[in-house]
Each structure stands twice: as structure tokens, then as C-alpha cells.
C-alpha atoms as a PDB file:
ATOM      1  CA  MET A   1       0.634  18.708   7.532  1.00  0.00           C
ATOM      2  CA  ARG A   2       0.553  15.019   7.078  1.00  0.00           C
ATOM      3  CA  ARG A   3      -2.186  13.091   8.662  1.00  0.00           C
ATOM      4  CA  ILE A   4      -1.664   9.157   8.555  1.00  0.00           C
ATOM      5  CA  SER A   5      -4.628   7.017   9.702  1.00  0.00           C
ATOM      6  CA  LEU A   6      -3.427   3.292  10.189  1.00  0.00           C
ATOM      7  CA  TRP A   7      -6.728   1.119  10.374  1.00  0.00           C
ATOM      8  CA  SER A   8      -6.378  -2.222  12.064  1.00  0.00           C
ATOM      9  CA  THR A   9      -8.399  -5.209  13.500  1.00  0.00           C
ATOM     10  CA  PRO A  10      -7.666  -6.199  17.032  1.00  0.00           C
ATOM     11  CA  ARG A  11      -4.505  -8.253  17.697  1.00  0.00           C
ATOM     12  CA  THR A  12      -2.341  -6.971  15.014  1.00  0.00           C
ATOM     13  CA  VAL A  13       1.086  -5.332  15.417  1.00  0.00           C
ATOM     14  CA  SER A  14      -0.909  -1.948  15.281  1.00  0.00           C
ATOM     15  CA  THR A  15       0.426  -0.470  18.582  1.00  0.00           C
ATOM     16  CA  ALA A  16       4.275  -1.358  17.266  1.00  0.00           C
ATOM     17  CA  CYS A  17       3.168   0.699  14.360  1.00  0.00           C
ATOM     18  CA  LEU A  18       2.214   3.395  16.531  1.00  0.00           C
ATOM     19  CA  ARG A  19       5.330   3.168  18.534  1.00  0.00           C
ATOM     20  CA  ALA A  20       7.544   3.302  15.417  1.00  0.00           C
ATOM     21  CA  PHE A  21       6.018   6.525  13.979  1.00  0.00           C
ATOM     22  CA  ALA A  22       5.628   8.221  17.288  1.00  0.00           C
ATOM     23  CA  GLY A  23       9.386   7.725  18.069  1.00  0.00           C
ATOM     24  CA  ARG A  24      10.098  10.099  15.120  1.00  0.00           C
ATOM     25  CA  GLU A  25      10.912  13.538  16.082  1.00  0.00           C
ATOM     26  CA  ASP A  26       8.818  15.136  13.269  1.00  0.00           C
ATOM     27  CA  CYS A  27       5.555  13.024  14.358  1.00  0.00           C
ATOM     28  CA  ILE A  28       2.998  12.684  17.016  1.00  0.00           C
ATOM     29  CA  GLY A  29       1.029   9.742  17.917  1.00  0.00           C
ATOM     30  CA  VAL A  30      -2.492   9.210  18.539  1.00  0.00           C
ATOM     31  CA  ASP A  31      -3.832   6.021  20.022  1.00  0.00           C
ATOM     32  CA  GLU A  32      -7.571   4.706  19.226  1.00  0.00           C
ATOM     33  CA  PRO A  33      -9.201   8.015  19.476  1.00  0.00           C
ATOM     34  CA  PHE A  34     -12.685   6.536  18.960  1.00  0.00           C
ATOM     35  CA  TYR A  35     -12.214   3.890  22.032  1.00  0.00           C
ATOM     36  CA  ALA A  36     -14.598   5.789  24.164  1.00  0.00           C
ATOM     37  CA  HIS A  37     -17.084   6.318  21.605  1.00  0.00           C
ATOM     38  CA  TYR A  38     -17.064   2.331  20.846  1.00  0.00           C
ATOM     39  CA  LEU A  39     -17.412   1.573  24.394  1.00  0.00           C
ATOM     40  CA  SER A  40     -20.081   3.978  25.051  1.00  0.00           C
ATOM     41  CA  LYS A  41     -22.260   2.914  22.298  1.00  0.00           C
ATOM     42  CA  THR A  42     -22.058  -0.748  22.419  1.00  0.00           C
ATOM     43  CA  GLY A  43     -21.569  -1.033  26.371  1.00  0.00           C
ATOM     44  CA  LYS A  44     -18.826  -3.409  25.888  1.00  0.00           C
ATOM     45  CA  GLN A  45     -17.230  -4.143  29.442  1.00  0.00           C
ATOM     46  CA  HIS A  46     -13.502  -3.982  28.390  1.00  0.00           C
ATOM     47  CA  PRO A  47     -10.531  -3.983  30.818  1.00  0.00           C
ATOM     48  CA  MET A  48     -10.085  -0.421  32.061  1.00  0.00           C
ATOM     49  CA  ARG A  49     -13.433   0.750  30.612  1.00  0.00           C
ATOM     50  CA  GLU A  50     -13.971   3.600  33.033  1.00  0.00           C
ATOM     51  CA  GLU A  51     -10.436   4.874  32.504  1.00  0.00           C
ATOM     52  CA  VAL A  52     -11.011   4.894  28.727  1.00  0.00           C
ATOM     53  CA  LEU A  53     -14.359   6.695  29.303  1.00  0.00           C
ATOM     54  CA  ALA A  54     -12.698   9.236  31.524  1.00  0.00           C
ATOM     55  CA  ALA A  55      -9.533   9.756  29.248  1.00  0.00           C
ATOM     56  CA  LEU A  56     -11.150  10.335  25.630  1.00  0.00           C
ATOM     57  CA  SER A  57     -14.155  12.130  24.411  1.00  0.00           C
ATOM     58  CA  SER A  58     -17.196   9.806  23.568  1.00  0.00           C
ATOM     59  CA  ASP A  59     -18.407  12.333  21.120  1.00  0.00           C
ATOM     60  CA  TRP A  60     -16.941  11.361  17.726  1.00  0.00           C
ATOM     61  CA  ARG A  61     -17.570  14.863  16.403  1.00  0.00           C
ATOM     62  CA  LYS A  62     -15.291  16.141  18.935  1.00  0.00           C
ATOM     63  CA  VAL A  63     -12.993  13.407  18.206  1.00  0.00           C
ATOM     64  CA  VAL A  64     -12.852  14.397  14.638  1.00  0.00           C
ATOM     65  CA  ASP A  65     -12.905  18.321  14.823  1.00  0.00           C
ATOM     66  CA  GLU A  66     -10.265  18.378  18.025  1.00  0.00           C
ATOM     67  CA  VAL A  67      -7.948  15.402  17.334  1.00  0.00           C
ATOM     68  CA  LEU A  68      -8.117  14.242  13.763  1.00  0.00           C
ATOM     69  CA  LEU A  69      -8.440  17.666  12.115  1.00  0.00           C
ATOM     70  CA  GLY A  70      -7.210  19.990  14.834  1.00  0.00           C
ATOM     71  CA  GLU A  71      -3.910  21.515  14.986  1.00  0.00           C
ATOM     72  CA  SER A  72      -0.681  19.533  15.580  1.00  0.00           C
ATOM     73  CA  PRO A  73       2.439  20.393  17.148  1.00  0.00           C
ATOM     74  CA  LEU A  74       4.112  18.381  14.749  1.00  0.00           C
ATOM     75  CA  PRO A  75       4.129  18.407  10.755  1.00  0.00           C
ATOM     76  CA  ILE A  76       2.954  14.509  10.898  1.00  0.00           C
ATOM     77  CA  GLN A  77       0.202  12.843  12.811  1.00  0.00           C
ATOM     78  CA  PHE A  78       0.155   9.067  12.764  1.00  0.00           C
ATOM     79  CA  VAL A  79      -3.376   8.011  14.113  1.00  0.00           C
ATOM     80  CA  LYS A  80      -3.672   4.249  15.279  1.00  0.00           C
ATOM     81  CA  GLN A  81      -7.369   3.610  14.240  1.00  0.00           C
ATOM     82  CA  MET A  82      -9.406   0.481  15.295  1.00  0.00           C
ATOM     83  CA  SER A  83     -12.229  -0.335  12.518  1.00  0.00           C
ATOM     84  CA  HIS A  84     -14.419  -2.199  14.779  1.00  0.00           C
ATOM     85  CA  HIS A  85     -14.662   1.336  16.898  1.00  0.00           C
ATOM     86  CA  MET A  86     -16.714   2.845  14.081  1.00  0.00           C
ATOM     87  CA  VAL A  87     -20.244   2.109  15.241  1.00  0.00           C
ATOM     88  CA  GLY A  88     -23.504   3.959  15.302  1.00  0.00           C
ATOM     89  CA  GLU A  89     -24.548   6.795  13.085  1.00  0.00           C
ATOM     90  CA  MET A  90     -21.188   8.719  12.234  1.00  0.00           C
ATOM     91  CA  GLU A  91     -20.544  10.810   9.128  1.00  0.00           C
ATOM     92  CA  TRP A  92     -17.489  10.019   7.045  1.00  0.00           C
ATOM     93  CA  GLY A  93     -16.504  13.395   5.292  1.00  0.00           C
ATOM     94  CA  TRP A  94     -13.414  13.790   7.222  1.00  0.00           C
ATOM     95  CA  VAL A  95     -11.618  10.786   5.688  1.00  0.00           C
ATOM     96  CA  ASP A  96     -11.401  12.473   2.547  1.00  0.00           C
ATOM     97  CA  HIS A  97      -9.424  15.436   3.817  1.00  0.00           C
ATOM     98  CA  PRO A  98      -6.684  16.350   1.538  1.00  0.00           C
ATOM     99  CA  ASP A  99      -3.867  15.879   4.194  1.00  0.00           C
ATOM    100  CA  MET A 100      -5.118  12.286   5.217  1.00  0.00           C
ATOM    101  CA  ARG A 101      -3.608   9.094   3.924  1.00  0.00           C
ATOM    102  CA  HIS A 102      -5.328   5.570   4.874  1.00  0.00           C
ATOM    103  CA  VAL A 103      -3.168   2.555   5.532  1.00  0.00           C
ATOM    104  CA  PHE A 104      -4.839  -0.795   6.316  1.00  0.00           C
ATOM    105  CA  LEU A 105      -2.999  -3.209   8.615  1.00  0.00           C
ATOM    106  CA  LEU A 106      -3.964  -7.023   7.981  1.00  0.00           C
ATOM    107  CA  ARG A 107      -3.572 -10.164  10.074  1.00  0.00           C
ATOM    108  CA  ASP A 108      -4.264 -13.626   8.952  1.00  0.00           C
ATOM    109  CA  PRO A 109      -7.584 -14.486  10.906  1.00  0.00           C
ATOM    110  CA  GLN A 110      -6.178 -18.069  11.659  1.00  0.00           C
ATOM    111  CA  GLU A 111      -3.512 -16.384  13.783  1.00  0.00           C
ATOM    112  CA  GLN A 112      -5.758 -13.365  14.936  1.00  0.00           C
ATOM    113  CA  LEU A 113      -8.938 -15.063  16.111  1.00  0.00           C
ATOM    114  CA  PRO A 114      -7.442 -17.411  18.716  1.00  0.00           C
ATOM    115  CA  SER A 115      -5.299 -14.599  20.217  1.00  0.00           C
ATOM    116  CA  MET A 116      -8.748 -12.468  20.649  1.00  0.00           C
ATOM    117  CA  GLU A 117     -10.685 -15.203  22.177  1.00  0.00           C
ATOM    118  CA  ARG A 118      -7.717 -15.906  24.870  1.00  0.00           C
ATOM    119  CA  ASP A 119      -8.109 -12.207  25.761  1.00  0.00           C
ATOM    120  CA  LEU A 120     -11.763 -11.356  25.475  1.00  0.00           C
ATOM    121  CA  GLY A 121     -13.504 -14.876  25.740  1.00  0.00           C
ATOM    122  CA  VAL A 122     -16.409 -15.544  23.387  1.00  0.00           C
ATOM    123  CA  ILE A 123     -15.948 -13.253  20.367  1.00  0.00           C
ATOM    124  CA  GLU A 124     -18.355 -12.335  17.526  1.00  0.00           C
ATOM    125  CA  MET A 125     -18.255 -10.655  14.166  1.00  0.00           C
ATOM    126  CA  GLU A 126     -18.539  -7.211  15.452  1.00  0.00           C
ATOM    127  CA  ASP A 127     -15.645  -7.784  17.947  1.00  0.00           C
ATOM    128  CA  VAL A 128     -13.116  -8.859  15.102  1.00  0.00           C
ATOM    129  CA  GLY A 129     -14.076  -5.984  12.849  1.00  0.00           C
ATOM    130  CA  TRP A 130     -13.480  -7.291   9.499  1.00  0.00           C
ATOM    131  CA  LYS A 131     -16.521  -6.305   7.523  1.00  0.00           C
ATOM    132  CA  LYS A 132     -16.153  -2.625   9.073  1.00  0.00           C
ATOM    133  CA  HIS A 133     -12.376  -3.020   8.089  1.00  0.00           C
ATOM    134  CA  PHE A 134     -13.423  -3.661   4.415  1.00  0.00           C
ATOM    135  CA  SER A 135     -16.073  -1.086   4.428  1.00  0.00           C
ATOM    136  CA  ILE A 136     -13.688   1.484   5.320  1.00  0.00           C
ATOM    137  CA  PHE A 137     -11.014   0.189   2.777  1.00  0.00           C
ATOM    138  CA  GLN A 138     -13.624   0.540   0.096  1.00  0.00           C
ATOM    139  CA  ARG A 139     -14.756   4.077   1.272  1.00  0.00           C
ATOM    140  CA  VAL A 140     -11.232   5.979   1.059  1.00  0.00           C
ATOM    141  CA  SER A 141      -9.206   6.987  -1.532  1.00  0.00           C
ATOM    142  CA  ASN A 142      -5.683   5.339  -2.701  1.00  0.00           C
ATOM    143  CA  PRO A 143      -5.625   3.191   0.364  1.00  0.00           C
ATOM    144  CA  ILE A 144      -2.361   1.224   1.314  1.00  0.00           C
ATOM    145  CA  VAL A 145      -2.364  -2.163   2.556  1.00  0.00           C
ATOM    146  CA  LEU A 146       0.094  -3.993   4.850  1.00  0.00           C
ATOM    147  CA  ASP A 147       0.038  -7.508   5.995  1.00  0.00           C
ATOM    148  CA  SER A 148       1.451  -7.943   9.529  1.00  0.00           C
ATOM    149  CA  ARG A 149       3.382 -10.992   8.693  1.00  0.00           C
ATOM    150  CA  ASP A 150       5.406  -9.331   6.037  1.00  0.00           C
ATOM    151  CA  LEU A 151       6.075  -6.488   8.507  1.00  0.00           C
ATOM    152  CA  LEU A 152       7.632  -8.644  11.032  1.00  0.00           C
ATOM    153  CA  GLU A 153       9.608 -10.729   8.754  1.00  0.00           C
ATOM    154  CA  ASN A 154      11.198  -7.732   7.267  1.00  0.00           C
ATOM    155  CA  PRO A 155      10.298  -4.520   9.165  1.00  0.00           C
ATOM    156  CA  GLU A 156      13.006  -2.308   7.676  1.00  0.00           C
ATOM    157  CA  ALA A 157      12.303  -3.110   4.055  1.00  0.00           C
ATOM    158  CA  MET A 158       8.286  -2.705   4.624  1.00  0.00           C
ATOM    159  CA  LEU A 159       8.889   0.581   6.629  1.00  0.00           C
ATOM    160  CA  ARG A 160      10.792   2.062   3.830  1.00  0.00           C
ATOM    161  CA  CYS A 161       8.495   0.895   1.037  1.00  0.00           C
ATOM    162  CA  LEU A 162       5.577   2.329   3.217  1.00  0.00           C
ATOM    163  CA  CYS A 163       7.374   5.784   3.750  1.00  0.00           C
ATOM    164  CA  ARG A 164       7.805   5.924  -0.077  1.00  0.00           C
ATOM    165  CA  GLU A 165       4.294   5.328  -0.414  1.00  0.00           C
ATOM    166  CA  LEU A 166       3.646   8.222   2.125  1.00  0.00           C
ATOM    167  CA  GLU A 167       6.317  10.362   0.723  1.00  0.00           C
ATOM    168  CA  LEU A 168       8.266  10.577   3.882  1.00  0.00           C
ATOM    169  CA  ASP A 169      12.001   9.810   4.826  1.00  0.00           C
ATOM    170  CA  PHE A 170      12.632   6.738   6.541  1.00  0.00           C
ATOM    171  CA  LYS A 171      14.022   7.068  10.096  1.00  0.00           C
ATOM    172  CA  ASP A 172      16.227   4.137  11.909  1.00  0.00           C
ATOM    173  CA  CYS A 173      14.142   4.999  14.957  1.00  0.00           C
ATOM    174  CA  MET A 174      11.355   3.279  13.297  1.00  0.00           C
ATOM    175  CA  ILE A 175      12.775   0.020  13.770  1.00  0.00           C
ATOM    176  CA  GLN A 176      14.570   0.307  17.150  1.00  0.00           C
ATOM    177  CA  TRP A 177      13.407   1.996  20.140  1.00  0.00           C
ATOM    178  CA  GLU A 178      13.769   2.136  24.129  1.00  0.00           C
ATOM    179  CA  PRO A 179      11.734  -0.379  26.044  1.00  0.00           C
ATOM    180  CA  GLY A 180       9.036   0.851  28.372  1.00  0.00           C
ATOM    181  CA  ARG A 181       5.848   2.926  27.908  1.00  0.00           C
ATOM    182  CA  HIS A 182       5.697   5.725  25.470  1.00  0.00           C
ATOM    183  CA  GLU A 183       3.620   8.966  25.734  1.00  0.00           C
ATOM    184  CA  SER A 184       1.623   8.137  22.736  1.00  0.00           C
ATOM    185  CA  TYR A 185       0.112   5.192  24.556  1.00  0.00           C
ATOM    186  CA  GLY A 186      -3.442   5.200  25.531  1.00  0.00           C
ATOM    187  CA  VAL A 187      -4.488   4.940  29.277  1.00  0.00           C
ATOM    188  CA  TRP A 188      -5.226   1.185  28.573  1.00  0.00           C
ATOM    189  CA  ALA A 189      -1.609   0.450  27.970  1.00  0.00           C
ATOM    190  CA  PRO A 190      -1.167  -1.121  31.608  1.00  0.00           C
ATOM    191  CA  PHE A 191      -3.474  -3.925  30.513  1.00  0.00           C
ATOM    192  CA  TRP A 192      -2.994  -4.339  26.766  1.00  0.00           C
ATOM    193  CA  TYR A 193       0.602  -3.249  26.286  1.00  0.00           C
ATOM    194  CA  LYS A 194       2.566  -5.332  28.686  1.00  0.00           C
ATOM    195  CA  THR A 195       4.579  -7.384  26.092  1.00  0.00           C
ATOM    196  CA  LEU A 196       5.108  -4.565  23.702  1.00  0.00           C
ATOM    197  CA  GLU A 197       6.573  -2.362  26.704  1.00  0.00           C
ATOM    198  CA  THR A 198       9.403  -5.071  26.945  1.00  0.00           C
ATOM    199  CA  THR A 199      10.323  -4.901  23.466  1.00  0.00           C
ATOM    200  CA  THR A 200      13.060  -2.652  21.545  1.00  0.00           C
ATOM    201  CA  GLY A 201      11.597  -3.266  18.014  1.00  0.00           C
ATOM    202  CA  PHE A 202       9.330  -5.521  16.033  1.00  0.00           C
ATOM    203  CA  GLN A 203       9.175  -9.149  17.015  1.00  0.00           C
ATOM    204  CA  GLU A 204      10.290 -11.647  14.749  1.00  0.00           C
ATOM    205  CA  TRP A 205       7.066 -13.521  13.048  1.00  0.00           C
ATOM    206  CA  LYS A 206       6.679 -17.140  14.204  1.00  0.00           C
ATOM    207  CA  PRO A 207       4.150 -19.639  13.194  1.00  0.00           C
ATOM    208  CA  LYS A 208       1.386 -20.828  15.550  1.00  0.00           C
ATOM    209  CA  LEU A 209       1.834 -24.540  16.392  1.00  0.00           C
ATOM    210  CA  ASP A 210      -1.556 -24.842  18.564  1.00  0.00           C
ATOM    211  CA  SER A 211      -4.460 -26.443  16.618  1.00  0.00           C
ATOM    212  CA  PHE A 212      -7.265 -23.825  15.303  1.00  0.00           C
ATOM    213  CA  PRO A 213     -10.214 -23.757  17.873  1.00  0.00           C
ATOM    214  CA  ASP A 214     -13.389 -25.242  16.395  1.00  0.00           C
ATOM    215  CA  SER A 215     -15.380 -22.726  18.397  1.00  0.00           C
ATOM    216  CA  LEU A 216     -13.978 -20.335  15.697  1.00  0.00           C
ATOM    217  CA  ARG A 217     -14.458 -22.074  12.347  1.00  0.00           C
ATOM    218  CA  ALA A 218     -17.484 -19.987  11.719  1.00  0.00           C
ATOM    219  CA  LEU A 219     -15.750 -16.793  12.033  1.00  0.00           C
ATOM    220  CA  LEU A 220     -13.002 -18.028  10.052  1.00  0.00           C
ATOM    221  CA  LYS A 221     -15.121 -18.969   7.192  1.00  0.00           C
ATOM    222  CA  ASP A 222     -16.693 -15.228   7.238  1.00  0.00           C
ATOM    223  CA  THR A 223     -13.300 -13.368   7.657  1.00  0.00           C
ATOM    224  CA  GLN A 224     -10.775 -15.220   5.448  1.00  0.00           C
ATOM    225  CA  PRO A 225     -12.115 -14.097   2.318  1.00  0.00           C
ATOM    226  CA  ILE A 226     -12.082 -10.694   3.283  1.00  0.00           C
ATOM    227  CA  TYR A 227      -8.656 -11.037   4.300  1.00  0.00           C
ATOM    228  CA  LYS A 228      -7.519 -12.559   1.097  1.00  0.00           C
ATOM    229  CA  GLU A 229      -8.888 -10.017  -1.099  1.00  0.00           C
ATOM    230  CA  MET A 230      -7.071  -7.234   0.893  1.00  0.00           C
ATOM    231  CA  ARG A 231      -4.122  -9.135   0.878  1.00  0.00           C
ATOM    232  CA  ALA A 232      -3.911  -9.352  -2.868  1.00  0.00           C
ATOM    233  CA  VAL A 233      -3.369  -5.724  -2.902  1.00  0.00           C
ATOM    234  CA  ARG A 234      -0.968  -5.604  -0.203  1.00  0.00           C
ATOM    235  CA  LEU A 235       2.194  -3.209  -0.448  1.00  0.00           C
ATOM    236  CA  VAL A 236       5.206  -5.240  -1.059  1.00  0.00           C
ATOM    237  CA  PRO A 237       8.790  -3.946  -1.189  1.00  0.00           C
END
């Protein structure tokens, strides 16, 4: 059994990565299993909050035992994890399970932060998740780091490289798929995944032309050093 946890901060290409792996015939995809735990603990009023709380367990122990370490119908389990969802008092021993590998997806905060502000309005450090992202990165053994720009600029090369690190065969379906909603997506897909559902693969990276908002400069100062430190050890073809 291979268990892959893809850790991400918000507004990256994490869902496209989920779609890439979940499209394999040997892989089952799991979408943000700690989302209900996060909403329950923080009281955040996210879109489709009630649907998320009804669909997922708010008990992190059940998520670990029944989902992350539970039986799987397929030999590979790919889990899209949001680092900022890991709030409150939680035990971390499960991340050291011998079947589990951890991949950390990055996006330059200069691109990420304005995108989040457009979706959620006023954002704080706990919303962007970089400190938690870094702490999990430091906690696990043999982490793999991917930069979303590298992935978008050359998806096949990067996914082939990732598959080698994970000791998996690359599949062509990982870079080309049918548009529409996939069964692996969470119940929040109607709000968050509208653009992704129109795609047939990873979208080309394009530079952001808008000026960076002054309202986010303090957050940028706090997050950019973490991004740069993690990016220094990123996977390259």
C-alpha cells in the first residue's frame, strides 16, 4: 500500500494534482479530509460550511483511523491535505507510518496572497497556512517539495520526476483528463472547483500583471522567507 499526502497552502494547483493522481486506475483520491475538523475548531464561515460539516467527520482521530490509515480499495491512496486545517491539539504519530510519503506543494506568496484575498476578503497568517506548512515539513521524514510554477511550466517532466521519487510508474492520464467533476472531489467542489472542472490538464503558468496590494505586504514579509527556504530544496527534473 502506498499512501501519499500532498500538503498544500490555499490557492495552489493542489486540486489539479489530486485530479492527476485520482485519474490513475491504481489510485484512490481523498480531498481535504480534515476540512470539517478545521471548520468546527475555528468557526470559520467558509462557503458551503454546513455541507462540509455534514459530509466529513469533525473528529480528527476518526479521519486518521478510518481514512488515512484505513483500508483502501486500491494500492495507492493520494490525499490532498491543507496544512492550515491542522489546528488544535492533535497527535502526529500517524505521519510516520511506513507506507506514507509526504509531498509539499508551494506557490509564491506574491501570487497566492492576492488570489486568497479575492476569494475570502480579509486574510490573516492562520488563513494562508505557511507557518503550519513549514512546521509539518520539518516534522516528517524525507519530504518532497514541488513548486507549482515548475509543475505548470512542465507538468509531464515534473510528474515523471515525482513518480520516480515515489517509486511509481508515470501514467499519461496524469497530464490529460476529461473535463467535469471527478468523484474524488469534496462536496465543496461546486463553489471552489468551477474553473478546474472546465480543464483537461494543467493550465499554462502566466505571470500576474496586477500590482501587489499594499494590504498584503505585512503577510508577504512573513511568508516569503518560508517559501524561499522550502523552495531551495524543491524537486527538479
